[in-house]
Amino acid sequence: MDAKEWERRVDPHFGYLRTEFACEIVERSNENWWETSLIYQNATTAVKVACSEEFDRLVTDIIRLVDGARPPTVVFVSEAPKLHKFGLGNLLMIRAPELWGEMKEQKGQSDKAITTQLQSQAKALREFGSDILRGDFSSFDEMEARVRAKARDMEGVTIWSPDRGDRALEDLVAKIRSSHPTVPVATGTYRLPRARGTFADRLRSLLRLIVGEVD
């Protein structure tokens, strides 16, 4: 989707961020294949509204600014000393779980589906996140605790190879563990398919099958 077109669709619903919370639109992007996004930002908080191809839904993130800037994206939660970005769903889990139970079922990228999600997420952010938009991040500690607890069961890297004893695999594992010491790294092996062989090989196998031999 074109970034300007996305702004045209988003702002009628999230425009209150500009009029009520002193936000400005600071970024429009469709550079990544997996999403088209629009970012609102004031002196303390940023809100990213994205149409996600990857998740087939609208994704709204609430971001705490650090020294006036948006912090870099966290790859592994366990490595980050402090989390500054949470999906709207994390906020609703602690403030309006029944509402989130309904909203998380909303998905799709048809015009109607997108409009429904824009309406519901804009309304929920306004109702349950106004304190965050004004710079009060006291709820972030509870959201962080929930996210870290979930990450403990989910985070990790698994490297698959046809040979567990491959030196290149050992070097890769060591490199990842050096760069990400708190992240579990596991390895797994898979069996390569048998080569089909030449036409003569296949013909011999067929003849053996005909005479009752096991190939």
N, C-alpha and C. Protein backbone atom coordinates (compact mmCIF):
# COMPACT_ATOMS: atom_id res chain seq x y z
N MET A 1 0.84 -1.19 0.00
CA MET A 1 0.00 0.00 0.00
C MET A 1 0.87 1.24 0.00
N ASP A 2 0.47 2.25 -0.74
CA ASP A 2 1.20 3.51 -0.77
C ASP A 2 1.15 4.19 0.59
N ALA A 3 2.28 4.76 1.04
CA ALA A 3 2.37 5.35 2.37
C ALA A 3 1.43 6.55 2.53
N LYS A 4 1.29 7.34 1.50
CA LYS A 4 0.39 8.50 1.58
C LYS A 4 -1.07 8.05 1.63
N GLU A 5 -1.37 7.00 0.91
CA GLU A 5 -2.73 6.46 0.97
C GLU A 5 -3.02 5.91 2.36
N TRP A 6 -2.01 5.27 2.98
CA TRP A 6 -2.19 4.75 4.34
C TRP A 6 -2.45 5.90 5.31
N GLU A 7 -1.74 7.00 5.18
CA GLU A 7 -1.99 8.17 6.03
C GLU A 7 -3.42 8.68 5.84
N ARG A 8 -3.87 8.70 4.60
CA ARG A 8 -5.22 9.17 4.32
C ARG A 8 -6.27 8.30 5.01
N ARG A 9 -5.98 7.02 5.15
CA ARG A 9 -6.94 6.11 5.78
C ARG A 9 -6.84 6.15 7.31
N VAL A 10 -5.64 6.32 7.81
CA VAL A 10 -5.42 6.26 9.26
C VAL A 10 -5.85 7.55 9.98
N ASP A 11 -5.50 8.70 9.42
CA ASP A 11 -5.64 9.95 10.16
C ASP A 11 -7.07 10.31 10.55
N PRO A 12 -8.09 9.97 9.79
CA PRO A 12 -9.44 10.27 10.26
C PRO A 12 -9.79 9.59 11.59
N HIS A 13 -9.10 8.50 11.91
CA HIS A 13 -9.36 7.77 13.15
C HIS A 13 -8.36 8.15 14.25
N PHE A 14 -7.09 8.30 13.90
CA PHE A 14 -6.06 8.59 14.88
C PHE A 14 -5.66 10.07 14.92
N GLY A 15 -6.37 10.90 14.17
CA GLY A 15 -6.02 12.32 14.11
C GLY A 15 -6.11 13.03 15.45
N TYR A 16 -6.87 12.47 16.40
CA TYR A 16 -6.94 13.09 17.73
C TYR A 16 -5.57 13.13 18.40
N LEU A 17 -4.64 12.26 17.95
CA LEU A 17 -3.29 12.32 18.51
C LEU A 17 -2.64 13.67 18.21
N ARG A 18 -3.00 14.26 17.10
CA ARG A 18 -2.47 15.59 16.75
C ARG A 18 -3.21 16.70 17.48
N THR A 19 -4.53 16.61 17.52
CA THR A 19 -5.34 17.71 18.07
C THR A 19 -5.41 17.71 19.58
N GLU A 20 -5.30 16.52 20.22
CA GLU A 20 -5.46 16.44 21.67
C GLU A 20 -4.16 16.15 22.41
N PHE A 21 -3.18 15.55 21.73
CA PHE A 21 -1.97 15.12 22.44
C PHE A 21 -0.69 15.69 21.83
N ALA A 22 -0.83 16.74 21.05
CA ALA A 22 0.31 17.49 20.50
C ALA A 22 1.27 16.62 19.69
N CYS A 23 0.75 15.60 19.05
CA CYS A 23 1.58 14.75 18.20
C CYS A 23 1.71 15.35 16.80
N GLU A 24 2.77 14.95 16.13
CA GLU A 24 2.95 15.25 14.72
C GLU A 24 3.19 13.94 13.98
N ILE A 25 2.85 13.92 12.72
CA ILE A 25 3.19 12.75 11.90
C ILE A 25 4.66 12.91 11.50
N VAL A 26 5.50 11.99 11.98
CA VAL A 26 6.94 12.13 11.77
C VAL A 26 7.50 11.13 10.77
N GLU A 27 6.70 10.13 10.42
CA GLU A 27 7.21 9.14 9.47
C GLU A 27 6.07 8.43 8.76
N ARG A 28 6.22 8.25 7.46
CA ARG A 28 5.33 7.44 6.64
C ARG A 28 6.23 6.48 5.89
N SER A 29 5.88 5.21 5.87
CA SER A 29 6.80 4.25 5.24
C SER A 29 6.07 3.07 4.63
N ASN A 30 6.50 2.69 3.44
CA ASN A 30 6.12 1.42 2.85
C ASN A 30 7.36 0.73 2.28
N GLU A 31 8.51 1.03 2.90
CA GLU A 31 9.78 0.49 2.43
C GLU A 31 9.91 -1.00 2.71
N ASN A 32 9.28 -1.48 3.79
CA ASN A 32 9.36 -2.90 4.12
C ASN A 32 8.18 -3.65 3.50
N TRP A 33 8.47 -4.80 2.90
CA TRP A 33 7.40 -5.54 2.22
C TRP A 33 6.32 -5.99 3.18
N TRP A 34 6.68 -6.15 4.46
CA TRP A 34 5.73 -6.75 5.40
C TRP A 34 4.78 -5.74 6.03
N GLU A 35 4.97 -4.42 5.81
CA GLU A 35 4.04 -3.48 6.43
C GLU A 35 4.11 -2.11 5.77
N THR A 36 3.01 -1.39 5.90
CA THR A 36 2.96 0.04 5.59
C THR A 36 2.61 0.74 6.89
N SER A 37 3.36 1.77 7.27
CA SER A 37 3.19 2.33 8.61
C SER A 37 3.15 3.85 8.61
N LEU A 38 2.57 4.36 9.70
CA LEU A 38 2.48 5.79 9.96
C LEU A 38 2.83 6.00 11.43
N ILE A 39 3.69 6.97 11.73
CA ILE A 39 4.12 7.20 13.11
C ILE A 39 3.75 8.61 13.54
N TYR A 40 3.02 8.69 14.66
CA TYR A 40 2.72 9.95 15.34
C TYR A 40 3.69 10.08 16.51
N GLN A 41 4.08 11.30 16.84
CA GLN A 41 5.03 11.47 17.94
C GLN A 41 4.88 12.85 18.57
N ASN A 42 4.95 12.87 19.93
CA ASN A 42 5.03 14.14 20.65
C ASN A 42 6.33 14.16 21.45
N ALA A 43 6.41 14.91 22.51
CA ALA A 43 7.67 15.06 23.24
C ALA A 43 8.05 13.82 24.04
N THR A 44 7.09 12.95 24.33
CA THR A 44 7.38 11.80 25.20
C THR A 44 7.07 10.45 24.57
N THR A 45 6.12 10.43 23.63
CA THR A 45 5.54 9.16 23.19
C THR A 45 5.37 9.13 21.67
N ALA A 46 5.55 7.94 21.10
CA ALA A 46 5.26 7.73 19.69
C ALA A 46 4.23 6.62 19.55
N VAL A 47 3.43 6.71 18.52
CA VAL A 47 2.44 5.68 18.21
C VAL A 47 2.63 5.28 16.75
N LYS A 48 2.87 4.01 16.53
CA LYS A 48 3.05 3.49 15.18
C LYS A 48 1.81 2.69 14.80
N VAL A 49 1.19 3.06 13.70
CA VAL A 49 0.00 2.36 13.20
C VAL A 49 0.39 1.72 11.88
N ALA A 50 0.36 0.39 11.83
CA ALA A 50 0.86 -0.32 10.65
C ALA A 50 -0.17 -1.31 10.12
N CYS A 51 -0.24 -1.39 8.81
CA CYS A 51 -0.99 -2.45 8.14
C CYS A 51 0.00 -3.56 7.86
N SER A 52 -0.12 -4.68 8.56
CA SER A 52 0.88 -5.73 8.51
C SER A 52 0.48 -6.84 7.55
N GLU A 53 1.29 -7.01 6.49
CA GLU A 53 1.10 -8.14 5.59
C GLU A 53 1.45 -9.44 6.31
N GLU A 54 2.47 -9.36 7.17
CA GLU A 54 2.95 -10.55 7.87
C GLU A 54 1.88 -11.15 8.77
N PHE A 55 1.15 -10.30 9.51
CA PHE A 55 0.16 -10.79 10.47
C PHE A 55 -1.28 -10.66 9.96
N ASP A 56 -1.43 -10.10 8.76
CA ASP A 56 -2.75 -9.95 8.14
C ASP A 56 -3.70 -9.18 9.04
N ARG A 57 -3.20 -8.08 9.60
CA ARG A 57 -4.03 -7.29 10.50
C ARG A 57 -3.40 -5.92 10.72
N LEU A 58 -4.13 -5.06 11.42
CA LEU A 58 -3.61 -3.76 11.83
C LEU A 58 -2.84 -3.94 13.14
N VAL A 59 -1.68 -3.32 13.25
CA VAL A 59 -0.85 -3.41 14.45
C VAL A 59 -0.55 -1.99 14.94
N THR A 60 -0.92 -1.70 16.19
CA THR A 60 -0.64 -0.40 16.79
C THR A 60 0.35 -0.57 17.94
N ASP A 61 1.46 0.13 17.86
CA ASP A 61 2.49 0.06 18.90
C ASP A 61 2.59 1.39 19.64
N ILE A 62 2.82 1.30 20.96
CA ILE A 62 3.01 2.48 21.81
C ILE A 62 4.47 2.50 22.22
N ILE A 63 5.16 3.62 21.99
CA ILE A 63 6.61 3.67 22.18
C ILE A 63 6.99 4.80 23.12
N ARG A 64 7.78 4.46 24.13
CA ARG A 64 8.33 5.48 25.03
C ARG A 64 9.62 6.04 24.41
N LEU A 65 9.71 7.34 24.26
CA LEU A 65 10.91 7.93 23.70
C LEU A 65 12.03 7.92 24.74
N VAL A 66 13.24 7.75 24.27
CA VAL A 66 14.42 7.77 25.12
C VAL A 66 15.30 8.93 24.66
N ASP A 67 15.49 9.91 25.54
CA ASP A 67 16.21 11.13 25.18
C ASP A 67 15.61 11.78 23.93
N GLY A 68 14.29 11.74 23.88
CA GLY A 68 13.58 12.40 22.80
C GLY A 68 13.53 11.66 21.48
N ALA A 69 14.04 10.43 21.45
CA ALA A 69 14.08 9.68 20.20
C ALA A 69 13.49 8.29 20.39
N ARG A 70 13.01 7.70 19.30
CA ARG A 70 12.51 6.33 19.37
C ARG A 70 13.68 5.37 19.49
N PRO A 71 13.64 4.46 20.46
CA PRO A 71 14.75 3.51 20.64
C PRO A 71 14.76 2.48 19.52
N PRO A 72 15.90 1.82 19.30
CA PRO A 72 15.97 0.80 18.26
C PRO A 72 15.08 -0.39 18.59
N THR A 73 14.67 -1.11 17.58
CA THR A 73 13.83 -2.29 17.76
C THR A 73 14.59 -3.39 18.48
N VAL A 74 13.96 -4.01 19.44
CA VAL A 74 14.57 -5.09 20.22
C VAL A 74 14.34 -6.41 19.48
N VAL A 75 15.41 -7.17 19.27
CA VAL A 75 15.29 -8.49 18.63
C VAL A 75 14.99 -9.54 19.68
N PHE A 76 15.79 -9.57 20.74
CA PHE A 76 15.60 -10.53 21.83
C PHE A 76 15.28 -9.77 23.11
N VAL A 77 14.11 -10.04 23.67
CA VAL A 77 13.66 -9.36 24.87
C VAL A 77 14.63 -9.55 26.03
N SER A 78 15.18 -10.76 26.15
CA SER A 78 16.06 -11.06 27.29
C SER A 78 17.33 -10.22 27.29
N GLU A 79 17.70 -9.65 26.13
CA GLU A 79 18.92 -8.85 26.05
C GLU A 79 18.70 -7.39 26.42
N ALA A 80 17.46 -6.95 26.38
CA ALA A 80 17.18 -5.52 26.60
C ALA A 80 17.04 -5.23 28.08
N PRO A 81 17.82 -4.28 28.61
CA PRO A 81 17.70 -3.94 30.04
C PRO A 81 16.36 -3.29 30.37
N LYS A 82 15.76 -2.63 29.38
CA LYS A 82 14.48 -1.96 29.57
C LYS A 82 13.72 -1.99 28.26
N LEU A 83 12.44 -2.30 28.34
CA LEU A 83 11.62 -2.33 27.13
C LEU A 83 10.85 -1.02 27.00
N HIS A 84 10.81 -0.49 25.81
CA HIS A 84 10.19 0.82 25.58
C HIS A 84 9.07 0.77 24.55
N LYS A 85 8.79 -0.39 23.98
CA LYS A 85 7.78 -0.50 22.92
C LYS A 85 6.86 -1.68 23.19
N PHE A 86 5.56 -1.42 23.15
CA PHE A 86 4.59 -2.48 23.40
C PHE A 86 3.43 -2.34 22.42
N GLY A 87 2.90 -3.48 22.01
CA GLY A 87 1.70 -3.47 21.20
C GLY A 87 0.51 -3.04 22.04
N LEU A 88 -0.47 -2.45 21.39
CA LEU A 88 -1.68 -2.02 22.10
C LEU A 88 -2.32 -3.18 22.85
N GLY A 89 -2.23 -4.37 22.31
CA GLY A 89 -2.79 -5.54 22.97
C GLY A 89 -2.22 -5.78 24.35
N ASN A 90 -0.94 -5.49 24.55
CA ASN A 90 -0.33 -5.67 25.87
C ASN A 90 -0.95 -4.74 26.90
N LEU A 91 -1.29 -3.52 26.46
CA LEU A 91 -1.94 -2.58 27.37
C LEU A 91 -3.35 -3.04 27.71
N LEU A 92 -4.08 -3.49 26.69
CA LEU A 92 -5.46 -3.91 26.91
C LEU A 92 -5.54 -5.18 27.75
N MET A 93 -4.53 -6.02 27.69
CA MET A 93 -4.52 -7.23 28.53
C MET A 93 -4.60 -6.89 30.00
N ILE A 94 -4.01 -5.76 30.40
CA ILE A 94 -4.01 -5.41 31.82
C ILE A 94 -5.11 -4.41 32.18
N ARG A 95 -5.66 -3.71 31.18
CA ARG A 95 -6.66 -2.69 31.50
C ARG A 95 -8.07 -3.02 30.98
N ALA A 96 -8.14 -3.80 29.92
CA ALA A 96 -9.45 -4.13 29.35
C ALA A 96 -9.37 -5.50 28.67
N PRO A 97 -9.14 -6.56 29.46
CA PRO A 97 -8.93 -7.89 28.85
C PRO A 97 -10.11 -8.39 28.04
N GLU A 98 -11.32 -8.08 28.46
CA GLU A 98 -12.49 -8.54 27.69
C GLU A 98 -12.54 -7.85 26.32
N LEU A 99 -12.23 -6.57 26.31
CA LEU A 99 -12.20 -5.84 25.05
C LEU A 99 -11.13 -6.41 24.13
N TRP A 100 -9.96 -6.70 24.68
CA TRP A 100 -8.89 -7.27 23.86
C TRP A 100 -9.28 -8.65 23.33
N GLY A 101 -10.01 -9.40 24.13
CA GLY A 101 -10.49 -10.70 23.67
C GLY A 101 -11.32 -10.58 22.41
N GLU A 102 -12.07 -9.50 22.29
CA GLU A 102 -12.87 -9.25 21.09
C GLU A 102 -12.00 -8.70 19.96
N MET A 103 -11.14 -7.75 20.29
CA MET A 103 -10.36 -7.07 19.25
C MET A 103 -9.32 -7.96 18.59
N LYS A 104 -8.76 -8.89 19.32
CA LYS A 104 -7.71 -9.72 18.73
C LYS A 104 -8.25 -10.66 17.65
N GLU A 105 -9.57 -10.80 17.60
CA GLU A 105 -10.17 -11.62 16.54
C GLU A 105 -10.34 -10.82 15.25
N GLN A 106 -10.18 -9.52 15.33
CA GLN A 106 -10.32 -8.69 14.14
C GLN A 106 -9.05 -8.79 13.30
N LYS A 107 -9.20 -9.10 12.04
CA LYS A 107 -8.04 -9.20 11.16
C LYS A 107 -8.50 -9.04 9.72
N GLY A 108 -7.55 -9.17 8.80
CA GLY A 108 -7.85 -9.03 7.39
C GLY A 108 -7.45 -7.66 6.86
N GLN A 109 -7.34 -7.55 5.54
CA GLN A 109 -6.89 -6.31 4.92
C GLN A 109 -7.85 -5.80 3.84
N SER A 110 -9.07 -6.28 3.87
CA SER A 110 -10.07 -5.69 2.99
C SER A 110 -10.39 -4.28 3.50
N ASP A 111 -11.01 -3.47 2.67
CA ASP A 111 -11.35 -2.11 3.09
C ASP A 111 -12.19 -2.12 4.36
N LYS A 112 -13.17 -3.01 4.41
CA LYS A 112 -14.06 -3.08 5.57
C LYS A 112 -13.30 -3.53 6.81
N ALA A 113 -12.44 -4.55 6.66
CA ALA A 113 -11.69 -5.06 7.81
C ALA A 113 -10.74 -4.02 8.36
N ILE A 114 -10.06 -3.30 7.48
CA ILE A 114 -9.12 -2.27 7.92
C ILE A 114 -9.86 -1.14 8.64
N THR A 115 -10.99 -0.72 8.09
CA THR A 115 -11.77 0.35 8.73
C THR A 115 -12.22 -0.06 10.12
N THR A 116 -12.69 -1.30 10.26
CA THR A 116 -13.13 -1.80 11.57
C THR A 116 -11.99 -1.77 12.57
N GLN A 117 -10.81 -2.21 12.15
CA GLN A 117 -9.65 -2.25 13.05
C GLN A 117 -9.16 -0.84 13.39
N LEU A 118 -9.16 0.04 12.43
CA LEU A 118 -8.76 1.42 12.71
C LEU A 118 -9.69 2.06 13.74
N GLN A 119 -10.97 1.85 13.58
CA GLN A 119 -11.95 2.43 14.51
C GLN A 119 -11.75 1.89 15.92
N SER A 120 -11.66 0.57 16.04
CA SER A 120 -11.59 -0.03 17.37
C SER A 120 -10.26 0.25 18.06
N GLN A 121 -9.15 0.21 17.32
CA GLN A 121 -7.85 0.44 17.95
C GLN A 121 -7.65 1.91 18.31
N ALA A 122 -8.12 2.80 17.47
CA ALA A 122 -8.01 4.23 17.81
C ALA A 122 -8.83 4.55 19.05
N LYS A 123 -10.03 4.00 19.13
CA LYS A 123 -10.90 4.24 20.28
C LYS A 123 -10.29 3.65 21.55
N ALA A 124 -9.75 2.44 21.46
CA ALA A 124 -9.16 1.79 22.64
C ALA A 124 -7.93 2.53 23.14
N LEU A 125 -7.09 3.00 22.22
CA LEU A 125 -5.90 3.75 22.63
C LEU A 125 -6.30 5.04 23.34
N ARG A 126 -7.31 5.72 22.82
CA ARG A 126 -7.75 6.97 23.41
C ARG A 126 -8.32 6.74 24.81
N GLU A 127 -9.08 5.66 24.98
CA GLU A 127 -9.75 5.40 26.24
C GLU A 127 -8.82 4.85 27.31
N PHE A 128 -7.90 3.98 26.91
CA PHE A 128 -7.08 3.27 27.90
C PHE A 128 -5.60 3.67 27.89
N GLY A 129 -5.21 4.53 26.94
CA GLY A 129 -3.80 4.90 26.87
C GLY A 129 -3.53 6.38 26.95
N SER A 130 -4.49 7.17 27.37
CA SER A 130 -4.30 8.62 27.41
C SER A 130 -3.16 9.02 28.34
N ASP A 131 -3.00 8.31 29.45
CA ASP A 131 -1.91 8.63 30.37
C ASP A 131 -0.55 8.43 29.71
N ILE A 132 -0.42 7.37 28.93
CA ILE A 132 0.84 7.11 28.22
C ILE A 132 1.10 8.20 27.19
N LEU A 133 0.06 8.60 26.49
CA LEU A 133 0.22 9.64 25.48
C LEU A 133 0.63 10.97 26.09
N ARG A 134 0.37 11.13 27.40
CA ARG A 134 0.77 12.35 28.10
C ARG A 134 2.09 12.17 28.86
N GLY A 135 2.72 11.02 28.68
CA GLY A 135 4.05 10.83 29.27
C GLY A 135 4.09 10.05 30.57
N ASP A 136 2.98 9.46 30.99
CA ASP A 136 2.96 8.65 32.21
C ASP A 136 3.13 7.18 31.81
N PHE A 137 4.30 6.62 32.10
CA PHE A 137 4.62 5.26 31.66
C PHE A 137 4.60 4.26 32.81
N SER A 138 3.85 4.54 33.84
CA SER A 138 3.81 3.62 34.99
C SER A 138 3.28 2.25 34.60
N SER A 139 2.45 2.16 33.59
CA SER A 139 1.92 0.86 33.16
C SER A 139 2.95 0.03 32.42
N PHE A 140 4.04 0.64 32.00
CA PHE A 140 5.03 -0.09 31.21
C PHE A 140 5.71 -1.19 32.03
N ASP A 141 5.85 -0.99 33.34
CA ASP A 141 6.50 -2.00 34.18
C ASP A 141 5.69 -3.30 34.18
N GLU A 142 4.38 -3.19 34.30
CA GLU A 142 3.53 -4.38 34.29
C GLU A 142 3.53 -5.05 32.92
N MET A 143 3.48 -4.25 31.88
CA MET A 143 3.53 -4.83 30.54
C MET A 143 4.86 -5.53 30.30
N GLU A 144 5.94 -4.91 30.77
CA GLU A 144 7.26 -5.50 30.59
C GLU A 144 7.36 -6.85 31.30
N ALA A 145 6.82 -6.93 32.50
CA ALA A 145 6.87 -8.19 33.24
C ALA A 145 6.13 -9.29 32.49
N ARG A 146 5.00 -8.97 31.90
CA ARG A 146 4.23 -9.95 31.14
C ARG A 146 4.98 -10.41 29.90
N VAL A 147 5.57 -9.45 29.20
CA VAL A 147 6.28 -9.78 27.96
C VAL A 147 7.51 -10.63 28.26
N ARG A 148 8.25 -10.28 29.31
CA ARG A 148 9.45 -11.05 29.66
C ARG A 148 9.09 -12.47 30.09
N ALA A 149 8.00 -12.62 30.82
CA ALA A 149 7.58 -13.96 31.25
C ALA A 149 7.24 -14.83 30.04
N LYS A 150 6.59 -14.24 29.06
CA LYS A 150 6.24 -14.99 27.85
C LYS A 150 7.47 -15.29 27.02
N ALA A 151 8.40 -14.35 26.97
CA ALA A 151 9.61 -14.54 26.17
C ALA A 151 10.48 -15.66 26.69
N ARG A 152 10.45 -15.89 28.00
CA ARG A 152 11.27 -16.96 28.57
C ARG A 152 10.92 -18.32 27.98
N ASP A 153 9.66 -18.48 27.58
CA ASP A 153 9.23 -19.75 27.01
C ASP A 153 9.32 -19.78 25.49
N MET A 154 9.60 -18.63 24.88
CA MET A 154 9.54 -18.57 23.42
C MET A 154 10.86 -18.21 22.76
N GLU A 155 11.69 -17.41 23.43
CA GLU A 155 12.89 -16.91 22.77
C GLU A 155 13.94 -17.99 22.59
N GLY A 156 14.63 -17.90 21.49
CA GLY A 156 15.71 -18.84 21.23
C GLY A 156 15.99 -18.91 19.74
N VAL A 157 17.11 -19.53 19.42
CA VAL A 157 17.52 -19.72 18.03
C VAL A 157 17.76 -21.20 17.82
N THR A 158 17.18 -21.75 16.77
CA THR A 158 17.44 -23.14 16.39
C THR A 158 18.05 -23.16 15.00
N ILE A 159 19.20 -23.80 14.88
CA ILE A 159 19.91 -23.89 13.60
C ILE A 159 19.81 -25.32 13.10
N TRP A 160 19.28 -25.48 11.90
CA TRP A 160 19.12 -26.80 11.31
C TRP A 160 20.21 -27.06 10.26
N SER A 161 20.79 -28.25 10.30
CA SER A 161 21.81 -28.60 9.33
C SER A 161 21.74 -30.11 9.06
N PRO A 162 22.32 -30.57 7.93
CA PRO A 162 22.30 -32.01 7.65
C PRO A 162 23.35 -32.78 8.44
N ASP A 163 24.27 -32.07 9.10
CA ASP A 163 25.35 -32.75 9.82
C ASP A 163 25.65 -32.02 11.11
N ARG A 164 25.32 -32.63 12.25
CA ARG A 164 25.53 -31.96 13.55
C ARG A 164 27.01 -31.70 13.82
N GLY A 165 27.90 -32.46 13.21
CA GLY A 165 29.32 -32.29 13.49
C GLY A 165 30.03 -31.33 12.56
N ASP A 166 29.30 -30.64 11.72
CA ASP A 166 29.88 -29.72 10.75
C ASP A 166 30.61 -28.59 11.47
N ARG A 167 31.87 -28.34 11.09
CA ARG A 167 32.67 -27.30 11.72
C ARG A 167 32.05 -25.92 11.52
N ALA A 168 31.50 -25.70 10.33
CA ALA A 168 30.87 -24.40 10.06
C ALA A 168 29.70 -24.18 11.00
N LEU A 169 28.97 -25.24 11.32
CA LEU A 169 27.85 -25.12 12.25
C LEU A 169 28.35 -24.75 13.64
N GLU A 170 29.42 -25.39 14.08
CA GLU A 170 29.99 -25.09 15.40
C GLU A 170 30.44 -23.63 15.47
N ASP A 171 31.05 -23.14 14.39
CA ASP A 171 31.50 -21.75 14.36
C ASP A 171 30.32 -20.79 14.42
N LEU A 172 29.23 -21.14 13.71
CA LEU A 172 28.05 -20.28 13.71
C LEU A 172 27.41 -20.22 15.09
N VAL A 173 27.30 -21.37 15.75
CA VAL A 173 26.73 -21.41 17.10
C VAL A 173 27.57 -20.56 18.05
N ALA A 174 28.89 -20.69 17.95
CA ALA A 174 29.78 -19.91 18.82
C ALA A 174 29.62 -18.41 18.56
N LYS A 175 29.45 -18.04 17.30
CA LYS A 175 29.30 -16.63 16.96
C LYS A 175 28.01 -16.06 17.52
N ILE A 176 26.93 -16.83 17.39
CA ILE A 176 25.64 -16.36 17.91
C ILE A 176 25.69 -16.25 19.44
N ARG A 177 26.27 -17.24 20.10
CA ARG A 177 26.36 -17.20 21.56
C ARG A 177 27.23 -16.06 22.03
N SER A 178 28.24 -15.69 21.24
CA SER A 178 29.10 -14.57 21.61
C SER A 178 28.34 -13.25 21.48
N SER A 179 27.51 -13.13 20.44
CA SER A 179 26.76 -11.90 20.21
C SER A 179 25.51 -11.79 21.08
N HIS A 180 24.91 -12.95 21.40
CA HIS A 180 23.66 -12.97 22.17
C HIS A 180 23.78 -13.99 23.31
N PRO A 181 24.57 -13.67 24.34
CA PRO A 181 24.87 -14.65 25.40
C PRO A 181 23.67 -15.08 26.22
N THR A 182 22.60 -14.29 26.26
CA THR A 182 21.44 -14.66 27.08
C THR A 182 20.39 -15.44 26.31
N VAL A 183 20.62 -15.64 25.02
CA VAL A 183 19.62 -16.30 24.17
C VAL A 183 19.97 -17.77 23.98
N PRO A 184 19.03 -18.68 24.29
CA PRO A 184 19.30 -20.11 24.09
C PRO A 184 19.51 -20.42 22.61
N VAL A 185 20.53 -21.24 22.31
CA VAL A 185 20.81 -21.66 20.95
C VAL A 185 20.78 -23.18 20.89
N ALA A 186 19.97 -23.71 20.01
CA ALA A 186 19.86 -25.16 19.84
C ALA A 186 20.18 -25.52 18.40
N THR A 187 20.54 -26.78 18.17
CA THR A 187 20.81 -27.25 16.82
C THR A 187 19.97 -28.49 16.54
N GLY A 188 19.68 -28.69 15.29
CA GLY A 188 18.94 -29.88 14.88
C GLY A 188 19.45 -30.34 13.53
N THR A 189 19.23 -31.60 13.24
CA THR A 189 19.68 -32.15 11.97
C THR A 189 18.50 -32.64 11.16
N TYR A 190 18.68 -32.69 9.87
CA TYR A 190 17.67 -33.24 8.98
C TYR A 190 18.37 -34.15 7.97
N ARG A 191 17.63 -35.07 7.41
CA ARG A 191 18.18 -36.02 6.46
C ARG A 191 17.98 -35.52 5.05
N LEU A 192 19.07 -35.48 4.31
CA LEU A 192 18.97 -35.06 2.92
C LEU A 192 18.25 -36.13 2.11
N PRO A 193 17.44 -35.75 1.12
CA PRO A 193 16.78 -36.75 0.28
C PRO A 193 17.79 -37.55 -0.52
N ARG A 194 17.48 -38.82 -0.77
CA ARG A 194 18.37 -39.65 -1.56
C ARG A 194 18.44 -39.12 -2.98
N ALA A 195 19.65 -39.21 -3.53
CA ALA A 195 19.80 -38.81 -4.92
C ALA A 195 18.99 -39.74 -5.81
N ARG A 196 18.41 -39.18 -6.84
CA ARG A 196 17.57 -39.97 -7.73
C ARG A 196 18.38 -40.95 -8.56
N GLY A 197 19.65 -40.68 -8.79
CA GLY A 197 20.49 -41.56 -9.58
C GLY A 197 20.28 -41.39 -11.07
N THR A 198 21.07 -42.11 -11.84
CA THR A 198 20.97 -42.02 -13.30
C THR A 198 19.77 -42.81 -13.79
N PHE A 199 19.48 -42.65 -15.08
CA PHE A 199 18.38 -43.40 -15.66
C PHE A 199 18.67 -44.90 -15.57
N ALA A 200 19.92 -45.29 -15.78
CA ALA A 200 20.28 -46.71 -15.69
C ALA A 200 20.05 -47.24 -14.28
N ASP A 201 20.41 -46.44 -13.27
CA ASP A 201 20.18 -46.86 -11.88
C ASP A 201 18.70 -47.09 -11.64
N ARG A 202 17.85 -46.16 -12.10
CA ARG A 202 16.42 -46.31 -11.89
C ARG A 202 15.86 -47.51 -12.64
N LEU A 203 16.41 -47.79 -13.84
CA LEU A 203 15.97 -48.94 -14.61
C LEU A 203 16.33 -50.23 -13.89
N ARG A 204 17.55 -50.30 -13.34
CA ARG A 204 17.94 -51.51 -12.60
C ARG A 204 17.04 -51.71 -11.39
N SER A 205 16.69 -50.62 -10.70
CA SER A 205 15.81 -50.74 -9.54
C SER A 205 14.44 -51.26 -9.95
N LEU A 206 13.94 -50.79 -11.10
CA LEU A 206 12.65 -51.26 -11.58
C LEU A 206 12.69 -52.74 -11.91
N LEU A 207 13.77 -53.20 -12.54
CA LEU A 207 13.89 -54.61 -12.88
C LEU A 207 13.97 -55.47 -11.63
N ARG A 208 14.69 -54.98 -10.61
CA ARG A 208 14.79 -55.74 -9.35
C ARG A 208 13.43 -55.82 -8.67
N LEU A 209 12.67 -54.72 -8.76
CA LEU A 209 11.33 -54.72 -8.18
C LEU A 209 10.43 -55.74 -8.90
N ILE A 210 10.58 -55.82 -10.23
CA ILE A 210 9.75 -56.73 -11.00
C ILE A 210 10.02 -58.20 -10.63
N VAL A 211 11.31 -58.50 -10.39
CA VAL A 211 11.66 -59.88 -10.07
C VAL A 211 11.54 -60.17 -8.58
N GLY A 212 11.06 -59.20 -7.81
CA GLY A 212 10.80 -59.44 -6.40
C GLY A 212 11.94 -59.14 -5.46
N GLU A 213 12.98 -58.48 -5.91
CA GLU A 213 14.09 -58.13 -5.03
C GLU A 213 13.80 -56.80 -4.35
N VAL A 214 14.39 -56.62 -3.18
CA VAL A 214 14.21 -55.35 -2.46
C VAL A 214 15.31 -54.39 -2.87
N ASP A 215 14.92 -53.24 -3.29
CA ASP A 215 15.90 -52.25 -3.73
C ASP A 215 16.46 -51.48 -2.52
